Amino acid sequence: MKASKLLWSVLILIIFRPASGYAQISQIEVSAKYNPLSKYLPPADSASKPGKASQSEFNVGALVNIHTRIDTATGRIRSLGSNIQARYTSFSRDGYNKEILPPELYALNVGFFYYSTINRKWAYNVFLNTAINSDFKEVDKNDAFLAGGAVFIRQFTPNFSLGVGAIVHNNLGGFMPWPALTVDWKMGGKFRLDIRTPDKSAGIAHYVGITYATSNKWNMSFAFQPEVLSYDVTTSNERKNRLMSFWQLPFTLSSTIRAGNFEIIPRVGFTALRRYAYGEKKVSEMFTEYPYHGLGTNLIYGIGFKYRPSIRAKNSR
């Protein structure tokens, strides 16, 4: 399977998703990232083995507003939406990495979320994500990954809100609980602290960023975006287990340039850590420690494009 097939599958979902009732696309995003050639890092207790790999990543996704209702009498907002994402990751491998790293990985995620205000100070967000993460060599139930949870949000001031909650996911085998936290803090008119844990992803992703903006047409952001994605991959002589857990700890500096409903987002940064291990998707193996392979610290180059069409909300009396 080529990357184009995965991207086309997401585009078909995006095109046909708004066909029902009130559904509207609220955002379309396409992005690409590249990590240059990096040294292979064997497990700590293993002999040194030569190897290198570069990493390319392509993402396409959309947010779909299925239905939004605003009660004009009480001001209450209720919104049902969906997020659709696809990711294609390829590795150019050399040396021992040819035996360890799969050449291609695919992730397709479809999520649903329901947001509702309770009163002027409180709101909640409930979400469910379903993902197929695989090398698509042997597809079965182990390629499916699920996550769901809820966050309760308190609006302390017009410039500061805090949300806390919990999620449950099976990215590492059996279902595990995980804390959830959101912070939106606008400071001094130009700075904004944004924390989203978890963030939208086919895995378990987090976002911690500070943004500086002098106008609504331009901003600069520095972000830390740790992420772990699990894939079901085929076994080989060096990969005895099917569950591949892939950790990334990137730091990025990005700039957003807006022109109407369009945004251009160039990025540069570095990945402090990339590790991958092969285990089993079984409850009994959840806490088993497997050898971690790695790729050396290296730069990140990226570019993203967003399109945000206008959204119409239905009022209720």
Protein backbone atom coordinates (compact mmCIF):
# COMPACT_ATOMS: atom_id res chain seq x y z
CA MET A 1 0.00 0.00 0.00
CA LYS A 2 1.33 3.42 -0.94
CA ALA A 3 0.89 6.65 0.99
CA SER A 4 -1.43 8.01 -1.69
CA LYS A 5 -3.98 5.25 -0.98
CA LEU A 6 -4.14 6.16 2.70
CA LEU A 7 -4.44 9.88 1.97
CA TRP A 8 -7.16 9.26 -0.60
CA SER A 9 -9.13 7.19 1.91
CA VAL A 10 -9.14 10.14 4.32
CA LEU A 11 -10.15 12.58 1.60
CA ILE A 12 -13.10 10.31 0.71
CA LEU A 13 -14.17 10.29 4.38
CA ILE A 14 -13.90 14.09 4.47
CA ILE A 15 -15.92 14.52 1.28
CA PHE A 16 -18.74 12.18 2.27
CA ARG A 17 -18.85 13.04 5.97
CA PRO A 18 -20.79 16.33 5.53
CA ALA A 19 -23.50 14.58 3.53
CA SER A 20 -25.67 14.15 6.63
CA GLY A 21 -27.81 17.02 7.85
CA TYR A 22 -25.95 19.80 9.59
CA ALA A 23 -22.40 18.46 9.17
CA GLN A 24 -19.83 20.98 7.98
CA ILE A 25 -16.07 20.85 7.62
CA SER A 26 -14.57 23.33 10.09
CA GLN A 27 -10.87 22.69 9.31
CA ILE A 28 -8.72 20.86 6.77
CA GLU A 29 -5.00 20.43 7.47
CA VAL A 30 -2.11 18.97 5.46
CA SER A 31 1.43 18.81 6.84
CA ALA A 32 4.81 17.18 6.30
CA LYS A 33 7.88 16.68 8.52
CA TYR A 34 11.38 15.43 7.85
CA ASN A 35 14.13 14.17 10.19
CA PRO A 36 17.54 13.90 8.43
CA LEU A 37 19.74 10.83 8.60
CA SER A 38 20.19 9.78 12.25
CA LYS A 39 22.40 7.21 13.92
CA TYR A 40 20.87 3.95 15.15
CA LEU A 41 21.05 3.54 18.94
CA PRO A 42 20.91 -0.10 20.12
CA PRO A 43 19.41 -1.18 23.47
CA ALA A 44 21.58 -0.33 26.48
CA ASP A 45 22.66 -3.93 27.09
CA SER A 46 23.33 -4.71 23.41
CA ALA A 47 26.50 -4.66 21.36
CA SER A 48 27.01 -1.66 19.10
CA LYS A 49 25.62 -2.19 15.59
CA PRO A 50 26.06 0.27 12.71
CA GLY A 51 22.95 1.75 11.18
CA LYS A 52 21.28 4.99 10.11
CA ALA A 53 17.79 6.13 9.17
CA SER A 54 15.99 9.26 8.01
CA GLN A 55 12.30 9.75 8.75
CA SER A 56 9.59 11.37 6.61
CA GLU A 57 6.05 11.96 7.85
CA PHE A 58 2.92 13.13 6.02
CA ASN A 59 -0.37 14.03 7.68
CA VAL A 60 -3.81 14.94 6.37
CA GLY A 61 -6.90 15.53 8.47
CA ALA A 62 -10.12 17.40 9.02
CA LEU A 63 -12.37 18.58 11.81
CA VAL A 64 -16.06 18.12 11.04
CA ASN A 65 -18.79 20.02 12.86
CA ILE A 66 -21.67 17.52 12.79
CA HIS A 67 -24.09 19.66 14.75
CA THR A 68 -23.86 22.82 16.87
CA ARG A 69 -26.78 24.33 18.76
CA ILE A 70 -26.83 27.60 20.73
CA ASP A 71 -29.73 28.20 23.11
CA THR A 72 -30.51 31.90 22.77
CA ALA A 73 -32.42 31.95 26.06
CA THR A 74 -29.71 30.46 28.27
CA GLY A 75 -26.58 30.89 26.14
CA ARG A 76 -25.83 27.17 26.41
CA ILE A 77 -23.66 25.71 23.62
CA ARG A 78 -23.83 22.06 22.55
CA SER A 79 -21.63 20.73 19.77
CA LEU A 80 -21.03 17.30 18.25
CA GLY A 81 -17.99 16.91 16.02
CA SER A 82 -15.58 14.47 14.44
CA ASN A 83 -11.87 14.51 13.69
CA ILE A 84 -10.44 12.44 10.84
CA GLN A 85 -6.68 11.97 10.46
CA ALA A 86 -4.25 9.92 8.42
CA ARG A 87 -0.49 9.64 8.85
CA TYR A 88 2.10 8.02 6.62
CA THR A 89 5.61 7.51 8.02
CA SER A 90 8.53 6.20 5.96
CA PHE A 91 12.08 5.37 6.96
CA SER A 92 15.12 5.22 4.70
CA ARG A 93 17.15 2.51 6.47
CA ASP A 94 20.78 1.50 6.32
CA GLY A 95 22.75 -1.18 8.14
CA TYR A 96 21.14 -2.94 11.11
CA ASN A 97 18.09 -0.64 10.87
CA LYS A 98 16.92 -2.63 7.85
CA GLU A 99 16.22 -5.52 10.23
CA ILE A 100 14.65 -3.41 13.00
CA LEU A 101 12.62 -0.56 11.47
CA PRO A 102 9.64 -1.24 9.17
CA PRO A 103 10.00 0.71 5.91
CA GLU A 104 6.49 2.19 6.11
CA LEU A 105 3.87 2.79 8.81
CA TYR A 106 0.26 3.93 8.45
CA ALA A 107 -2.20 5.40 10.95
CA LEU A 108 -5.86 6.18 10.25
CA ASN A 109 -7.88 7.79 13.05
CA VAL A 110 -11.58 8.66 13.28
CA GLY A 111 -12.73 10.35 16.47
CA PHE A 112 -15.93 11.85 17.84
CA PHE A 113 -16.36 14.48 20.54
CA TYR A 114 -19.26 16.16 22.29
CA TYR A 115 -18.80 19.58 23.91
CA SER A 116 -21.40 21.25 26.12
CA THR A 117 -21.46 24.22 28.45
CA ILE A 118 -23.15 23.67 31.81
CA ASN A 119 -23.33 27.31 32.86
CA ARG A 120 -21.21 30.43 32.38
CA LYS A 121 -18.25 28.91 34.24
CA TRP A 122 -18.39 25.17 33.57
CA ALA A 123 -18.31 22.97 30.46
CA TYR A 124 -17.36 19.41 29.59
CA ASN A 125 -15.92 17.54 26.60
CA VAL A 126 -16.43 13.79 25.99
CA PHE A 127 -14.51 12.03 23.23
CA LEU A 128 -13.89 8.64 21.61
CA ASN A 129 -11.10 7.82 19.13
CA THR A 130 -10.75 4.73 16.97
CA ALA A 131 -7.54 4.11 15.02
CA ILE A 132 -6.04 1.58 12.64
CA ASN A 133 -2.23 1.70 13.06
CA SER A 134 -0.36 -0.83 10.96
CA ASP A 135 2.20 -1.66 8.28
CA PHE A 136 -0.78 -3.24 6.44
CA LYS A 137 1.06 -6.51 5.82
CA GLU A 138 -1.23 -8.64 8.02
CA VAL A 139 -4.37 -6.83 9.19
CA ASP A 140 -6.49 -8.20 12.04
CA LYS A 141 -8.06 -7.04 15.31
CA ASN A 142 -4.64 -6.19 16.74
CA ASP A 143 -4.37 -3.30 14.27
CA ALA A 144 -7.26 -1.48 16.04
CA PHE A 145 -6.53 0.96 18.87
CA LEU A 146 -9.13 2.73 21.02
CA ALA A 147 -9.12 5.71 23.36
CA GLY A 148 -11.90 7.59 25.14
CA GLY A 149 -12.39 10.00 28.00
CA ALA A 150 -13.90 13.16 29.42
CA VAL A 151 -12.61 16.58 30.51
CA PHE A 152 -14.44 19.08 32.73
CA ILE A 153 -13.49 22.71 32.01
CA ARG A 154 -13.68 25.67 34.42
CA GLN A 155 -13.63 29.21 32.99
CA PHE A 156 -12.06 31.27 35.78
CA THR A 157 -11.73 34.52 33.79
CA PRO A 158 -12.26 35.47 30.12
CA ASN A 159 -8.51 34.88 29.65
CA PHE A 160 -7.99 31.71 31.67
CA SER A 161 -9.62 28.27 31.63
CA LEU A 162 -8.54 24.96 33.17
CA GLY A 163 -9.77 21.48 32.34
CA VAL A 164 -9.13 18.18 34.16
CA GLY A 165 -10.31 14.67 33.43
CA ALA A 166 -9.18 11.19 32.42
CA ILE A 167 -8.83 8.96 29.39
CA VAL A 168 -8.57 5.21 28.85
CA HIS A 169 -6.55 3.71 25.97
CA ASN A 170 -5.10 0.41 24.78
CA ASN A 171 -2.05 1.74 22.94
CA LEU A 172 0.34 -0.35 25.03
CA GLY A 173 -1.71 -3.54 25.04
CA GLY A 174 -4.51 -3.69 27.63
CA PHE A 175 -6.66 -0.70 28.58
CA MET A 176 -4.88 1.81 30.82
CA PRO A 177 -6.11 5.02 32.54
CA TRP A 178 -4.32 8.29 31.78
CA PRO A 179 -4.83 11.79 33.22
CA ALA A 180 -6.17 14.56 31.00
CA LEU A 181 -5.40 18.28 31.33
CA THR A 182 -6.17 21.41 29.29
CA VAL A 183 -5.00 24.97 29.96
CA ASP A 184 -5.84 28.06 27.91
CA TRP A 185 -4.24 31.19 29.36
CA LYS A 186 -3.97 34.48 27.47
CA MET A 187 -1.30 36.64 29.10
CA GLY A 188 -0.80 40.36 28.55
CA GLY A 189 -2.65 40.49 25.26
CA LYS A 190 0.19 38.99 23.16
CA PHE A 191 1.18 35.71 24.85
CA ARG A 192 -0.85 32.53 25.19
CA LEU A 193 -0.11 29.29 27.07
CA ASP A 194 -1.82 26.28 25.53
CA ILE A 195 -1.71 22.80 27.11
CA ARG A 196 -3.60 19.87 25.61
CA THR A 197 -3.10 16.42 27.05
CA PRO A 198 -4.19 14.44 25.21
CA ASP A 199 -3.99 16.20 21.84
CA LYS A 200 -5.63 15.03 18.60
CA SER A 201 -3.67 12.04 17.34
CA ALA A 202 -3.86 8.44 16.19
CA GLY A 203 -1.91 7.67 19.37
CA ILE A 204 -1.40 9.37 22.73
CA ALA A 205 -0.08 12.87 22.05
CA HIS A 206 0.43 15.94 24.21
CA TYR A 207 0.93 19.62 23.39
CA VAL A 208 2.55 22.28 25.57
CA GLY A 209 3.12 25.55 23.75
CA ILE A 210 3.58 29.29 24.19
CA THR A 211 2.43 31.57 21.39
CA TYR A 212 3.35 35.21 20.75
CA ALA A 213 1.05 37.18 18.46
CA THR A 214 1.08 40.84 17.48
CA SER A 215 -2.02 40.51 15.27
CA ASN A 216 -4.55 37.91 14.12
CA LYS A 217 -2.58 37.45 10.88
CA TRP A 218 0.74 36.30 12.35
CA ASN A 219 2.05 34.47 15.41
CA MET A 220 5.13 32.58 16.59
CA SER A 221 4.93 29.44 18.75
CA PHE A 222 7.40 27.29 20.67
CA ALA A 223 6.00 23.87 21.52
CA PHE A 224 6.88 20.58 23.17
CA GLN A 225 4.84 17.74 21.64
CA PRO A 226 5.60 14.31 23.15
CA GLU A 227 3.82 11.44 21.46
CA VAL A 228 3.60 7.66 21.51
CA LEU A 229 2.03 5.70 18.66
CA SER A 230 1.58 1.95 18.69
CA TYR A 231 1.48 -0.06 15.48
CA ASP A 232 0.75 -3.68 14.66
CA VAL A 233 3.62 -4.82 12.43
CA THR A 234 4.78 -8.08 10.89
CA THR A 235 7.48 -10.09 12.63
CA SER A 236 10.96 -10.79 11.25
CA ASN A 237 14.19 -12.43 12.39
CA GLU A 238 14.93 -9.37 14.55
CA ARG A 239 11.31 -8.36 15.36
CA LYS A 240 9.79 -11.28 17.27
CA ASN A 241 6.76 -9.34 18.57
CA ARG A 242 4.02 -7.48 16.68
CA LEU A 243 3.24 -4.46 18.90
CA MET A 244 5.59 -1.62 17.95
CA SER A 245 5.57 1.32 20.40
CA PHE A 246 7.15 4.40 18.85
CA TRP A 247 7.99 7.35 21.15
CA GLN A 248 8.90 10.86 19.94
CA LEU A 249 9.85 13.95 21.95
CA PRO A 250 10.03 16.89 19.52
CA PHE A 251 10.60 20.59 20.30
CA THR A 252 9.50 22.92 17.49
CA LEU A 253 9.46 26.62 16.64
CA SER A 254 6.70 27.49 14.19
CA SER A 255 5.17 30.56 12.60
CA THR A 256 1.56 30.86 11.48
CA ILE A 257 0.77 33.24 8.62
CA ARG A 258 -2.94 33.82 7.98
CA ALA A 259 -4.55 35.06 4.78
CA GLY A 260 -8.33 34.91 4.93
CA ASN A 261 -9.39 31.36 5.75
CA PHE A 262 -5.95 29.93 4.92
CA GLU A 263 -2.88 29.41 7.13
CA ILE A 264 0.71 28.56 6.24
CA ILE A 265 2.79 27.06 9.07
CA PRO A 266 6.55 26.52 8.55
CA ARG A 267 8.32 24.64 11.38
CA VAL A 268 11.85 23.92 12.51
CA GLY A 269 13.12 22.17 15.65
CA PHE A 270 14.74 19.02 16.94
CA THR A 271 13.68 15.62 18.20
CA ALA A 272 15.31 15.01 21.57
CA LEU A 273 14.32 11.34 21.69
CA ARG A 274 12.98 8.68 19.33
CA ARG A 275 12.61 5.17 20.75
CA TYR A 276 10.83 2.06 19.56
CA ALA A 277 10.22 -1.33 21.16
CA TYR A 278 8.42 -4.50 20.11
CA GLY A 279 6.04 -6.18 22.53
CA GLU A 280 2.73 -8.04 22.61
CA LYS A 281 -0.79 -6.58 22.65
CA LYS A 282 -1.90 -8.60 25.66
CA VAL A 283 -3.15 -7.52 29.09
CA SER A 284 -0.68 -9.94 30.71
CA GLU A 285 2.21 -8.19 28.89
CA MET A 286 1.23 -4.59 29.69
CA PHE A 287 4.02 -3.98 32.19
CA THR A 288 6.68 -6.18 30.58
CA GLU A 289 9.81 -4.22 29.68
CA TYR A 290 11.15 -4.85 26.20
CA PRO A 291 14.48 -3.66 24.73
CA TYR A 292 14.24 -0.12 23.35
CA HIS A 293 15.95 0.75 20.09
CA GLY A 294 16.46 4.37 19.12
CA LEU A 295 17.48 7.04 16.64
CA GLY A 296 19.86 9.84 17.54
CA THR A 297 18.83 13.42 18.29
CA ASN A 298 18.37 15.36 15.09
CA LEU A 299 16.68 18.34 13.45
CA ILE A 300 13.07 18.60 12.24
CA TYR A 301 11.93 20.50 9.17
CA GLY A 302 8.24 20.87 8.45
CA ILE A 303 5.49 22.76 6.69
CA GLY A 304 1.73 22.78 7.24
CA PHE A 305 -1.33 24.23 5.55
CA LYS A 306 -4.76 24.81 7.10
CA TYR A 307 -8.08 25.88 5.65
CA ARG A 308 -10.88 26.99 7.95
CA PRO A 309 -14.27 27.50 6.24
CA SER A 310 -16.97 29.45 8.06
CA ILE A 311 -19.17 27.48 10.46
CA ARG A 312 -22.89 28.04 10.85
CA ALA A 313 -24.49 27.28 14.22
CA LYS A 314 -28.17 26.48 14.65
CA ASN A 315 -29.94 28.61 17.26
CA SER A 316 -32.67 27.22 19.49
CA ARG A 317 -35.38 29.18 21.25
